[in-house]
Amino acid sequence: MELEFATGRLRVLSPTDCVKDRLAGYYFWKDMQCLEQAVLVAADNEVDLDEIERWSGHEGMLDEFSKIKGKLFNKSNEL
């Protein structure tokens, strides 16, 4: 998505893309803060679980996604 301002365009990530971005940090660097951020974004926004799962598989992280999937969509679940 893009927002237009007098100073130019601002490209904004969708909540789904934001979760994928944060999960990339978790998947590839084991950054727990990135996982926490992905959980927080998913808790407060509508995200496309199927797209995140598809992307995770494309990144070779389907097994890891399966382990954390419940955390992303359970607002009361702690890390």
Protein backbone atom coordinates (compact mmCIF):
# COMPACT_ATOMS: atom_id res chain seq x y z
CA MET A 1 0.00 0.00 0.00
CA GLU A 2 1.16 3.53 -0.68
CA LEU A 3 0.11 6.78 0.95
CA GLU A 4 0.54 10.00 -0.98
CA PHE A 5 1.78 13.14 0.79
CA ALA A 6 2.90 16.53 -0.48
CA THR A 7 6.47 15.43 0.27
CA GLY A 8 6.15 12.15 -1.64
CA ARG A 9 4.92 8.58 -1.39
CA LEU A 10 5.14 6.43 1.69
CA ARG A 11 5.05 2.68 1.20
CA VAL A 12 3.38 0.85 4.06
CA LEU A 13 3.57 -2.87 4.83
CA SER A 14 0.35 -4.76 5.34
CA PRO A 15 0.03 -6.50 8.72
CA THR A 16 0.64 -9.83 6.95
CA ASP A 17 3.85 -8.53 5.33
CA CYS A 18 4.95 -7.05 8.65
CA VAL A 19 4.53 -10.44 10.34
CA LYS A 20 6.52 -12.08 7.53
CA ASP A 21 9.27 -9.48 7.92
CA ARG A 22 9.50 -10.08 11.68
CA LEU A 23 9.41 -13.85 11.20
CA ALA A 24 12.32 -13.58 8.77
CA GLY A 25 14.41 -12.19 11.63
CA TYR A 26 13.29 -15.01 13.87
CA TYR A 27 13.76 -17.76 11.26
CA PHE A 28 17.21 -16.77 10.10
CA TRP A 29 18.80 -15.22 13.18
CA LYS A 30 16.74 -16.85 15.96
CA ASP A 31 15.89 -13.35 17.19
CA MET A 32 13.24 -13.86 19.86
CA GLN A 33 12.38 -10.16 19.87
CA CYS A 34 11.37 -10.49 16.20
CA LEU A 35 9.08 -13.39 17.09
CA GLU A 36 7.57 -11.35 19.91
CA GLN A 37 6.94 -8.47 17.50
CA ALA A 38 5.31 -10.83 14.97
CA VAL A 39 3.02 -12.14 17.73
CA LEU A 40 2.09 -8.60 18.80
CA VAL A 41 1.25 -7.52 15.24
CA ALA A 42 -0.80 -10.68 14.63
CA ALA A 43 -2.65 -10.19 17.93
CA ASP A 44 -3.86 -6.70 16.99
CA ASN A 45 -4.41 -7.06 13.25
CA GLU A 46 -6.02 -9.32 10.71
CA VAL A 47 -3.31 -11.35 9.00
CA ASP A 48 -3.48 -13.97 6.27
CA LEU A 49 -2.41 -17.25 7.91
CA ASP A 50 -2.41 -19.09 4.58
CA GLU A 51 -0.05 -16.53 3.03
CA ILE A 52 2.31 -16.64 6.01
CA GLU A 53 2.32 -20.43 5.88
CA ARG A 54 2.95 -20.41 2.10
CA TRP A 55 5.79 -17.91 2.50
CA SER A 56 7.30 -19.87 5.38
CA GLY A 57 7.36 -22.98 3.19
CA HIS A 58 9.00 -21.03 0.37
CA GLU A 59 11.68 -19.92 2.85
CA GLY A 60 12.26 -23.53 3.93
CA MET A 61 10.80 -22.84 7.38
CA LEU A 62 7.52 -24.76 7.31
CA ASP A 63 8.55 -26.96 10.26
CA GLU A 64 9.48 -23.88 12.30
CA PHE A 65 6.23 -22.17 11.31
CA SER A 66 4.29 -25.22 12.50
CA LYS A 67 5.97 -24.91 15.91
CA ILE A 68 5.08 -21.22 16.39
CA LYS A 69 1.76 -21.00 14.52
CA GLY A 70 -0.26 -21.21 17.72
CA LYS A 71 1.63 -18.29 19.24
CA LEU A 72 0.75 -16.04 16.30
CA PHE A 73 -2.97 -16.55 16.59
CA ASN A 74 -3.55 -16.99 20.31
CA LYS A 75 -3.67 -13.57 21.94
CA SER A 76 -3.38 -15.01 25.45
CA ASN A 77 -0.35 -17.19 24.62
CA GLU A 78 2.95 -16.01 25.99
CA LEU A 79 6.30 -16.66 24.34
